[in-house]
Amino acid sequence: LIQQRTEARANKDWAESDRIRDLLREQGVILE
């Protein structure tokens, strides 16, 4: 999922990046 988020950020797809970050947070994982 982090790899997917990195690709989304590279494509400036901020909505997808935020979705993955929030999804992981809900599952008890914090991204830094």
PDB file of all heavy atoms in Angstrom:
ATOM      1  N   LEU A   1       0.829  -1.206   0.000  1.00  0.00           N
ATOM      2  CA  LEU A   1       0.000   0.000   0.000  1.00  0.00           C
ATOM      3  C   LEU A   1       0.865   1.259   0.000  1.00  0.00           C
ATOM      4  O   LEU A   1       0.524   2.260  -0.653  1.00  0.00           O
ATOM      5  CB  LEU A   1      -0.933   0.004   1.214  1.00  0.00           C
ATOM      6  CG  LEU A   1      -2.125  -0.957   1.131  1.00  0.00           C
ATOM      7  CD1 LEU A   1      -2.818  -1.086   2.476  1.00  0.00           C
ATOM      8  CD2 LEU A   1      -3.116  -0.476   0.061  1.00  0.00           C
ATOM      9  N   ILE A   2       1.981   1.220   0.697  1.00  0.00           N
ATOM     10  CA  ILE A   2       2.888   2.376   0.688  1.00  0.00           C
ATOM     11  C   ILE A   2       3.442   2.601  -0.711  1.00  0.00           C
ATOM     12  O   ILE A   2       3.568   3.748  -1.178  1.00  0.00           O
ATOM     13  CB  ILE A   2       4.019   2.187   1.717  1.00  0.00           C
ATOM     14  CG1 ILE A   2       3.451   2.284   3.137  1.00  0.00           C
ATOM     15  CG2 ILE A   2       5.129   3.215   1.512  1.00  0.00           C
ATOM     16  CD1 ILE A   2       4.456   1.975   4.225  1.00  0.00           C
ATOM     17  N   GLN A   3       3.741   1.513  -1.422  1.00  0.00           N
ATOM     18  CA  GLN A   3       4.239   1.639  -2.787  1.00  0.00           C
ATOM     19  C   GLN A   3       3.160   2.260  -3.679  1.00  0.00           C
ATOM     20  O   GLN A   3       3.453   3.148  -4.499  1.00  0.00           O
ATOM     21  CB  GLN A   3       4.660   0.267  -3.328  1.00  0.00           C
ATOM     22  CG  GLN A   3       5.193   0.289  -4.755  1.00  0.00           C
ATOM     23  CD  GLN A   3       6.407   1.181  -4.910  1.00  0.00           C
ATOM     24  OE1 GLN A   3       7.238   1.264  -4.010  1.00  0.00           O
ATOM     25  NE2 GLN A   3       6.499   1.871  -6.048  1.00  0.00           N
ATOM     26  N   GLN A   4       1.923   1.823  -3.493  1.00  0.00           N
ATOM     27  CA  GLN A   4       0.825   2.421  -4.268  1.00  0.00           C
ATOM     28  C   GLN A   4       0.696   3.906  -3.955  1.00  0.00           C
ATOM     29  O   GLN A   4       0.468   4.739  -4.846  1.00  0.00           O
ATOM     30  CB  GLN A   4      -0.495   1.713  -3.946  1.00  0.00           C
ATOM     31  CG  GLN A   4      -0.589   0.278  -4.437  1.00  0.00           C
ATOM     32  CD  GLN A   4      -1.882  -0.387  -4.002  1.00  0.00           C
ATOM     33  OE1 GLN A   4      -2.912   0.280  -3.831  1.00  0.00           O
ATOM     34  NE2 GLN A   4      -1.847  -1.701  -3.820  1.00  0.00           N
ATOM     35  N   ARG A   5       0.853   4.257  -2.695  1.00  0.00           N
ATOM     36  CA  ARG A   5       0.740   5.668  -2.303  1.00  0.00           C
ATOM     37  C   ARG A   5       1.891   6.480  -2.885  1.00  0.00           C
ATOM     38  O   ARG A   5       1.701   7.630  -3.321  1.00  0.00           O
ATOM     39  CB  ARG A   5       0.733   5.770  -0.771  1.00  0.00           C
ATOM     40  CG  ARG A   5       0.612   7.198  -0.256  1.00  0.00           C
ATOM     41  CD  ARG A   5       0.430   7.193   1.258  1.00  0.00           C
ATOM     42  NE  ARG A   5       0.359   8.537   1.798  1.00  0.00           N
ATOM     43  CZ  ARG A   5       1.409   9.217   2.260  1.00  0.00           C
ATOM     44  NH1 ARG A   5       2.619   8.666   2.235  1.00  0.00           N
ATOM     45  NH2 ARG A   5       1.255  10.443   2.735  1.00  0.00           N
ATOM     46  N   THR A   6       3.089   5.904  -2.885  1.00  0.00           N
ATOM     47  CA  THR A   6       4.238   6.602  -3.473  1.00  0.00           C
ATOM     48  C   THR A   6       4.002   6.894  -4.949  1.00  0.00           C
ATOM     49  O   THR A   6       4.304   7.993  -5.454  1.00  0.00           O
ATOM     50  CB  THR A   6       5.515   5.757  -3.287  1.00  0.00           C
ATOM     51  OG1 THR A   6       5.738   5.535  -1.892  1.00  0.00           O
ATOM     52  CG2 THR A   6       6.727   6.444  -3.899  1.00  0.00           C
ATOM     53  N   GLU A   7       3.438   5.919  -5.674  1.00  0.00           N
ATOM     54  CA  GLU A   7       3.138   6.118  -7.098  1.00  0.00           C
ATOM     55  C   GLU A   7       2.062   7.183  -7.276  1.00  0.00           C
ATOM     56  O   GLU A   7       2.135   8.019  -8.202  1.00  0.00           O
ATOM     57  CB  GLU A   7       2.700   4.790  -7.720  1.00  0.00           C
ATOM     58  CG  GLU A   7       3.814   3.752  -7.777  1.00  0.00           C
ATOM     59  CD  GLU A   7       3.311   2.372  -8.162  1.00  0.00           C
ATOM     60  OE1 GLU A   7       2.072   2.235  -8.390  1.00  0.00           O
ATOM     61  OE2 GLU A   7       4.130   1.432  -8.219  1.00  0.00           O
ATOM     62  N   ALA A   8       1.062   7.165  -6.384  1.00  0.00           N
ATOM     63  CA  ALA A   8       0.004   8.182  -6.467  1.00  0.00           C
ATOM     64  C   ALA A   8       0.577   9.569  -6.229  1.00  0.00           C
ATOM     65  O   ALA A   8       0.210  10.543  -6.921  1.00  0.00           O
ATOM     66  CB  ALA A   8      -1.089   7.877  -5.441  1.00  0.00           C
ATOM     67  N   ARG A   9       1.493   9.701  -5.279  1.00  0.00           N
ATOM     68  CA  ARG A   9       2.108  10.996  -5.002  1.00  0.00           C
ATOM     69  C   ARG A   9       2.952  11.449  -6.172  1.00  0.00           C
ATOM     70  O   ARG A   9       2.976  12.644  -6.520  1.00  0.00           O
ATOM     71  CB  ARG A   9       2.952  10.903  -3.727  1.00  0.00           C
ATOM     72  CG  ARG A   9       2.106  10.844  -2.450  1.00  0.00           C
ATOM     73  CD  ARG A   9       2.919  10.363  -1.262  1.00  0.00           C
ATOM     74  NE  ARG A   9       3.999  11.258  -0.923  1.00  0.00           N
ATOM     75  CZ  ARG A   9       3.881  12.321  -0.120  1.00  0.00           C
ATOM     76  NH1 ARG A   9       2.693  12.612   0.410  1.00  0.00           N
ATOM     77  NH2 ARG A   9       4.913  13.076   0.158  1.00  0.00           N
ATOM     78  N   ALA A  10       3.647  10.487  -6.804  1.00  0.00           N
ATOM     79  CA  ALA A  10       4.458  10.845  -7.980  1.00  0.00           C
ATOM     80  C   ALA A  10       3.577  11.355  -9.111  1.00  0.00           C
ATOM     81  O   ALA A  10       3.977  12.221  -9.895  1.00  0.00           O
ATOM     82  CB  ALA A  10       5.275   9.636  -8.431  1.00  0.00           C
ATOM     83  N   ASN A  11       2.343  10.841  -9.203  1.00  0.00           N
ATOM     84  CA  ASN A  11       1.386  11.266 -10.243  1.00  0.00           C
ATOM     85  C   ASN A  11       0.522  12.440  -9.772  1.00  0.00           C
ATOM     86  O   ASN A  11      -0.448  12.802 -10.464  1.00  0.00           O
ATOM     87  CB  ASN A  11       0.477  10.091 -10.628  1.00  0.00           C
ATOM     88  CG  ASN A  11       1.250   8.966 -11.287  1.00  0.00           C
ATOM     89  OD1 ASN A  11       2.240   9.211 -11.986  1.00  0.00           O
ATOM     90  ND2 ASN A  11       0.806   7.729 -11.063  1.00  0.00           N
ATOM     91  N   LYS A  12       0.870  12.981  -8.583  1.00  0.00           N
ATOM     92  CA  LYS A  12       0.124  14.107  -8.005  1.00  0.00           C
ATOM     93  C   LYS A  12      -1.355  13.765  -7.774  1.00  0.00           C
ATOM     94  O   LYS A  12      -2.220  14.628  -7.852  1.00  0.00           O
ATOM     95  CB  LYS A  12       0.261  15.368  -8.867  1.00  0.00           C
ATOM     96  CG  LYS A  12       1.698  15.824  -9.069  1.00  0.00           C
ATOM     97  CD  LYS A  12       1.773  17.157  -9.765  1.00  0.00           C
ATOM     98  CE  LYS A  12       3.206  17.556 -10.066  1.00  0.00           C
ATOM     99  NZ  LYS A  12       4.086  17.538  -8.888  1.00  0.00           N
ATOM    100  N   ASP A  13      -1.600  12.489  -7.520  1.00  0.00           N
ATOM    101  CA  ASP A  13      -2.960  12.055  -7.206  1.00  0.00           C
ATOM    102  C   ASP A  13      -3.114  12.108  -5.681  1.00  0.00           C
ATOM    103  O   ASP A  13      -3.063  11.102  -4.973  1.00  0.00           O
ATOM    104  CB  ASP A  13      -3.176  10.625  -7.728  1.00  0.00           C
ATOM    105  CG  ASP A  13      -4.631  10.172  -7.584  1.00  0.00           C
ATOM    106  OD1 ASP A  13      -5.406  10.876  -6.916  1.00  0.00           O
ATOM    107  OD2 ASP A  13      -4.959   9.103  -8.127  1.00  0.00           O
ATOM    108  N   TRP A  14      -3.292  13.334  -5.186  1.00  0.00           N
ATOM    109  CA  TRP A  14      -3.293  13.544  -3.743  1.00  0.00           C
ATOM    110  C   TRP A  14      -4.489  12.874  -3.060  1.00  0.00           C
ATOM    111  O   TRP A  14      -4.384  12.436  -1.898  1.00  0.00           O
ATOM    112  CB  TRP A  14      -3.272  15.032  -3.442  1.00  0.00           C
ATOM    113  CG  TRP A  14      -2.180  15.760  -4.161  1.00  0.00           C
ATOM    114  CD1 TRP A  14      -2.316  16.767  -5.060  1.00  0.00           C
ATOM    115  CD2 TRP A  14      -0.767  15.508  -4.072  1.00  0.00           C
ATOM    116  NE1 TRP A  14      -1.093  17.185  -5.538  1.00  0.00           N
ATOM    117  CE2 TRP A  14      -0.121  16.409  -4.936  1.00  0.00           C
ATOM    118  CE3 TRP A  14       0.019  14.608  -3.353  1.00  0.00           C
ATOM    119  CZ2 TRP A  14       1.260  16.454  -5.106  1.00  0.00           C
ATOM    120  CZ3 TRP A  14       1.393  14.629  -3.508  1.00  0.00           C
ATOM    121  CH2 TRP A  14       1.999  15.540  -4.372  1.00  0.00           C
ATOM    122  N   ALA A  15      -5.587  12.775  -3.751  1.00  0.00           N
ATOM    123  CA  ALA A  15      -6.769  12.136  -3.167  1.00  0.00           C
ATOM    124  C   ALA A  15      -6.491  10.654  -2.872  1.00  0.00           C
ATOM    125  O   ALA A  15      -6.844  10.127  -1.804  1.00  0.00           O
ATOM    126  CB  ALA A  15      -7.974  12.272  -4.083  1.00  0.00           C
ATOM    127  N   GLU A  16      -5.862   9.967  -3.844  1.00  0.00           N
ATOM    128  CA  GLU A  16      -5.517   8.564  -3.640  1.00  0.00           C
ATOM    129  C   GLU A  16      -4.472   8.408  -2.544  1.00  0.00           C
ATOM    130  O   GLU A  16      -4.540   7.492  -1.708  1.00  0.00           O
ATOM    131  CB  GLU A  16      -5.010   7.956  -4.943  1.00  0.00           C
ATOM    132  CG  GLU A  16      -4.552   6.510  -4.842  1.00  0.00           C
ATOM    133  CD  GLU A  16      -5.666   5.526  -4.492  1.00  0.00           C
ATOM    134  OE1 GLU A  16      -6.849   5.943  -4.425  1.00  0.00           O
ATOM    135  OE2 GLU A  16      -5.359   4.338  -4.298  1.00  0.00           O
ATOM    136  N   SER A  17      -3.506   9.323  -2.522  1.00  0.00           N
ATOM    137  CA  SER A  17      -2.478   9.295  -1.486  1.00  0.00           C
ATOM    138  C   SER A  17      -3.109   9.416  -0.102  1.00  0.00           C
ATOM    139  O   SER A  17      -2.782   8.655   0.821  1.00  0.00           O
ATOM    140  CB  SER A  17      -1.478  10.434  -1.702  1.00  0.00           C
ATOM    141  OG  SER A  17      -0.602  10.554  -0.604  1.00  0.00           O
ATOM    142  N   ASP A  18      -4.042  10.358   0.035  1.00  0.00           N
ATOM    143  CA  ASP A  18      -4.699  10.550   1.331  1.00  0.00           C
ATOM    144  C   ASP A  18      -5.578   9.361   1.690  1.00  0.00           C
ATOM    145  O   ASP A  18      -5.677   8.974   2.871  1.00  0.00           O
ATOM    146  CB  ASP A  18      -5.545  11.831   1.301  1.00  0.00           C
ATOM    147  CG  ASP A  18      -4.691  13.090   1.256  1.00  0.00           C
ATOM    148  OD1 ASP A  18      -3.470  12.979   1.480  1.00  0.00           O
ATOM    149  OD2 ASP A  18      -5.245  14.166   0.971  1.00  0.00           O
ATOM    150  N   ARG A  19      -6.220   8.778   0.686  1.00  0.00           N
ATOM    151  CA  ARG A  19      -7.087   7.623   0.946  1.00  0.00           C
ATOM    152  C   ARG A  19      -6.282   6.469   1.533  1.00  0.00           C
ATOM    153  O   ARG A  19      -6.697   5.828   2.516  1.00  0.00           O
ATOM    154  CB  ARG A  19      -7.771   7.175  -0.355  1.00  0.00           C
ATOM    155  CG  ARG A  19      -8.793   6.044  -0.138  1.00  0.00           C
ATOM    156  CD  ARG A  19      -9.220   5.427  -1.455  1.00  0.00           C
ATOM    157  NE  ARG A  19      -8.148   4.641  -2.064  1.00  0.00           N
ATOM    158  CZ  ARG A  19      -7.826   3.386  -1.694  1.00  0.00           C
ATOM    159  NH1 ARG A  19      -8.488   2.786  -0.713  1.00  0.00           N
ATOM    160  NH2 ARG A  19      -6.848   2.755  -2.301  1.00  0.00           N
ATOM    161  N   ILE A  20      -5.111   6.188   0.954  1.00  0.00           N
ATOM    162  CA  ILE A  20      -4.277   5.087   1.436  1.00  0.00           C
ATOM    163  C   ILE A  20      -3.754   5.393   2.831  1.00  0.00           C
ATOM    164  O   ILE A  20      -3.750   4.527   3.730  1.00  0.00           O
ATOM    165  CB  ILE A  20      -3.121   4.823   0.451  1.00  0.00           C
ATOM    166  CG1 ILE A  20      -3.676   4.309  -0.882  1.00  0.00           C
ATOM    167  CG2 ILE A  20      -2.131   3.820   1.049  1.00  0.00           C
ATOM    168  CD1 ILE A  20      -2.638   4.192  -1.963  1.00  0.00           C
ATOM    169  N   ARG A  21      -3.336   6.649   3.047  1.00  0.00           N
ATOM    170  CA  ARG A  21      -2.854   7.031   4.380  1.00  0.00           C
ATOM    171  C   ARG A  21      -3.951   6.835   5.434  1.00  0.00           C
ATOM    172  O   ARG A  21      -3.715   6.277   6.509  1.00  0.00           O
ATOM    173  CB  ARG A  21      -2.416   8.492   4.352  1.00  0.00           C
ATOM    174  CG  ARG A  21      -1.895   9.016   5.704  1.00  0.00           C
ATOM    175  CD  ARG A  21      -1.932  10.531   5.732  1.00  0.00           C
ATOM    176  NE  ARG A  21      -3.301  11.029   5.572  1.00  0.00           N
ATOM    177  CZ  ARG A  21      -3.610  12.222   5.075  1.00  0.00           C
ATOM    178  NH1 ARG A  21      -2.667  13.059   4.682  1.00  0.00           N
ATOM    179  NH2 ARG A  21      -4.883  12.586   4.968  1.00  0.00           N
ATOM    180  N   ASP A  22      -5.172   7.284   5.098  1.00  0.00           N
ATOM    181  CA  ASP A  22      -6.281   7.168   6.056  1.00  0.00           C
ATOM    182  C   ASP A  22      -6.683   5.710   6.266  1.00  0.00           C
ATOM    183  O   ASP A  22      -7.041   5.305   7.386  1.00  0.00           O
ATOM    184  CB  ASP A  22      -7.486   7.973   5.559  1.00  0.00           C
ATOM    185  CG  ASP A  22      -7.201   9.468   5.545  1.00  0.00           C
ATOM    186  OD1 ASP A  22      -6.229   9.892   6.208  1.00  0.00           O
ATOM    187  OD2 ASP A  22      -7.940  10.210   4.862  1.00  0.00           O
ATOM    188  N   LEU A  23      -6.634   4.922   5.201  1.00  0.00           N
ATOM    189  CA  LEU A  23      -6.962   3.499   5.298  1.00  0.00           C
ATOM    190  C   LEU A  23      -6.004   2.800   6.261  1.00  0.00           C
ATOM    191  O   LEU A  23      -6.425   2.023   7.139  1.00  0.00           O
ATOM    192  CB  LEU A  23      -6.892   2.842   3.923  1.00  0.00           C
ATOM    193  CG  LEU A  23      -7.042   1.307   3.899  1.00  0.00           C
ATOM    194  CD1 LEU A  23      -8.427   0.893   4.370  1.00  0.00           C
ATOM    195  CD2 LEU A  23      -6.763   0.774   2.495  1.00  0.00           C
ATOM    196  N   LEU A  24      -4.713   3.092   6.123  1.00  0.00           N
ATOM    197  CA  LEU A  24      -3.728   2.468   7.005  1.00  0.00           C
ATOM    198  C   LEU A  24      -3.881   2.955   8.444  1.00  0.00           C
ATOM    199  O   LEU A  24      -3.726   2.175   9.394  1.00  0.00           O
ATOM    200  CB  LEU A  24      -2.312   2.739   6.483  1.00  0.00           C
ATOM    201  CG  LEU A  24      -1.925   1.937   5.234  1.00  0.00           C
ATOM    202  CD1 LEU A  24      -0.617   2.429   4.655  1.00  0.00           C
ATOM    203  CD2 LEU A  24      -1.823   0.447   5.559  1.00  0.00           C
ATOM    204  N   ARG A  25      -4.210   4.236   8.609  1.00  0.00           N
ATOM    205  CA  ARG A  25      -4.398   4.749   9.962  1.00  0.00           C
ATOM    206  C   ARG A  25      -5.549   4.009  10.649  1.00  0.00           C
ATOM    207  O   ARG A  25      -5.473   3.670  11.831  1.00  0.00           O
ATOM    208  CB  ARG A  25      -4.676   6.249   9.930  1.00  0.00           C
ATOM    209  CG  ARG A  25      -4.843   6.828  11.353  1.00  0.00           C
ATOM    210  CD  ARG A  25      -5.222   8.297  11.325  1.00  0.00           C
ATOM    211  NE  ARG A  25      -4.132   9.115  10.858  1.00  0.00           N
ATOM    212  CZ  ARG A  25      -4.212   9.992   9.850  1.00  0.00           C
ATOM    213  NH1 ARG A  25      -5.351  10.131   9.186  1.00  0.00           N
ATOM    214  NH2 ARG A  25      -3.177  10.724   9.509  1.00  0.00           N
ATOM    215  N   GLU A  26      -6.632   3.770   9.901  1.00  0.00           N
ATOM    216  CA  GLU A  26      -7.768   3.048  10.462  1.00  0.00           C
ATOM    217  C   GLU A  26      -7.377   1.633  10.882  1.00  0.00           C
ATOM    218  O   GLU A  26      -7.998   1.056  11.794  1.00  0.00           O
ATOM    219  CB  GLU A  26      -8.904   2.975   9.439  1.00  0.00           C
ATOM    220  CG  GLU A  26      -9.575   4.324   9.162  1.00  0.00           C
ATOM    221  CD  GLU A  26     -10.523   4.242   7.985  1.00  0.00           C
ATOM    222  OE1 GLU A  26     -10.670   3.125   7.423  1.00  0.00           O
ATOM    223  OE2 GLU A  26     -11.103   5.275   7.610  1.00  0.00           O
ATOM    224  N   GLN A  27      -6.364   1.087  10.243  1.00  0.00           N
ATOM    225  CA  GLN A  27      -5.906  -0.263  10.559  1.00  0.00           C
ATOM    226  C   GLN A  27      -4.740  -0.263  11.559  1.00  0.00           C
ATOM    227  O   GLN A  27      -4.093  -1.280  11.763  1.00  0.00           O
ATOM    228  CB  GLN A  27      -5.495  -0.977   9.264  1.00  0.00           C
ATOM    229  CG  GLN A  27      -6.666  -1.164   8.303  1.00  0.00           C
ATOM    230  CD  GLN A  27      -6.261  -1.831   7.001  1.00  0.00           C
ATOM    231  OE1 GLN A  27      -5.078  -2.014   6.719  1.00  0.00           O
ATOM    232  NE2 GLN A  27      -7.239  -2.203   6.194  1.00  0.00           N
ATOM    233  N   GLY A  28      -4.483   0.895  12.164  1.00  0.00           N
ATOM    234  CA  GLY A  28      -3.468   0.972  13.212  1.00  0.00           C
ATOM    235  C   GLY A  28      -2.062   1.169  12.715  1.00  0.00           C
ATOM    236  O   GLY A  28      -1.102   0.817  13.411  1.00  0.00           O
ATOM    237  N   VAL A  29      -1.912   1.746  11.522  1.00  0.00           N
ATOM    238  CA  VAL A  29      -0.584   1.977  10.940  1.00  0.00           C
ATOM    239  C   VAL A  29      -0.420   3.471  10.665  1.00  0.00           C
ATOM    240  O   VAL A  29      -1.251   4.081   9.998  1.00  0.00           O
ATOM    241  CB  VAL A  29      -0.395   1.176   9.637  1.00  0.00           C
ATOM    242  CG1 VAL A  29       0.968   1.469   9.019  1.00  0.00           C
ATOM    243  CG2 VAL A  29      -0.546  -0.320   9.905  1.00  0.00           C
ATOM    244  N   ILE A  30       0.652   4.054  11.185  1.00  0.00           N
ATOM    245  CA  ILE A  30       0.940   5.473  11.003  1.00  0.00           C
ATOM    246  C   ILE A  30       2.073   5.626   9.989  1.00  0.00           C
ATOM    247  O   ILE A  30       3.135   4.999  10.133  1.00  0.00           O
ATOM    248  CB  ILE A  30       1.346   6.134  12.330  1.00  0.00           C
ATOM    249  CG1 ILE A  30       0.240   5.966  13.368  1.00  0.00           C
ATOM    250  CG2 ILE A  30       1.679   7.610  12.128  1.00  0.00           C
ATOM    251  CD1 ILE A  30      -1.065   6.611  12.996  1.00  0.00           C
ATOM    252  N   LEU A  31       1.839   6.459   8.969  1.00  0.00           N
ATOM    253  CA  LEU A  31       2.869   6.763   7.969  1.00  0.00           C
ATOM    254  C   LEU A  31       3.573   8.055   8.350  1.00  0.00           C
ATOM    255  O   LEU A  31       2.941   9.012   8.810  1.00  0.00           O
ATOM    256  CB  LEU A  31       2.251   6.896   6.577  1.00  0.00           C
ATOM    257  CG  LEU A  31       1.471   5.686   6.054  1.00  0.00           C
ATOM    258  CD1 LEU A  31       1.046   5.920   4.613  1.00  0.00           C
ATOM    259  CD2 LEU A  31       2.293   4.408   6.169  1.00  0.00           C
ATOM    260  N   GLU A  32       4.880   8.083   8.122  1.00  0.00           N
ATOM    261  CA  GLU A  32       5.668   9.276   8.420  1.00  0.00           C
ATOM    262  C   GLU A  32       6.546   9.580   7.211  1.00  0.00           C
ATOM    263  O   GLU A  32       7.459   8.819   6.887  1.00  0.00           O
ATOM    264  CB  GLU A  32       6.513   9.037   9.684  1.00  0.00           C
ATOM    265  CG  GLU A  32       5.645   8.831  10.924  1.00  0.00           C
ATOM    266  CD  GLU A  32       6.403   8.255  12.110  1.00  0.00           C
ATOM    267  OE1 GLU A  32       7.486   7.671  11.901  1.00  0.00           O
ATOM    268  OE2 GLU A  32       5.917   8.384  13.239  1.00  0.00           O
TER     269      GLU A  32
END
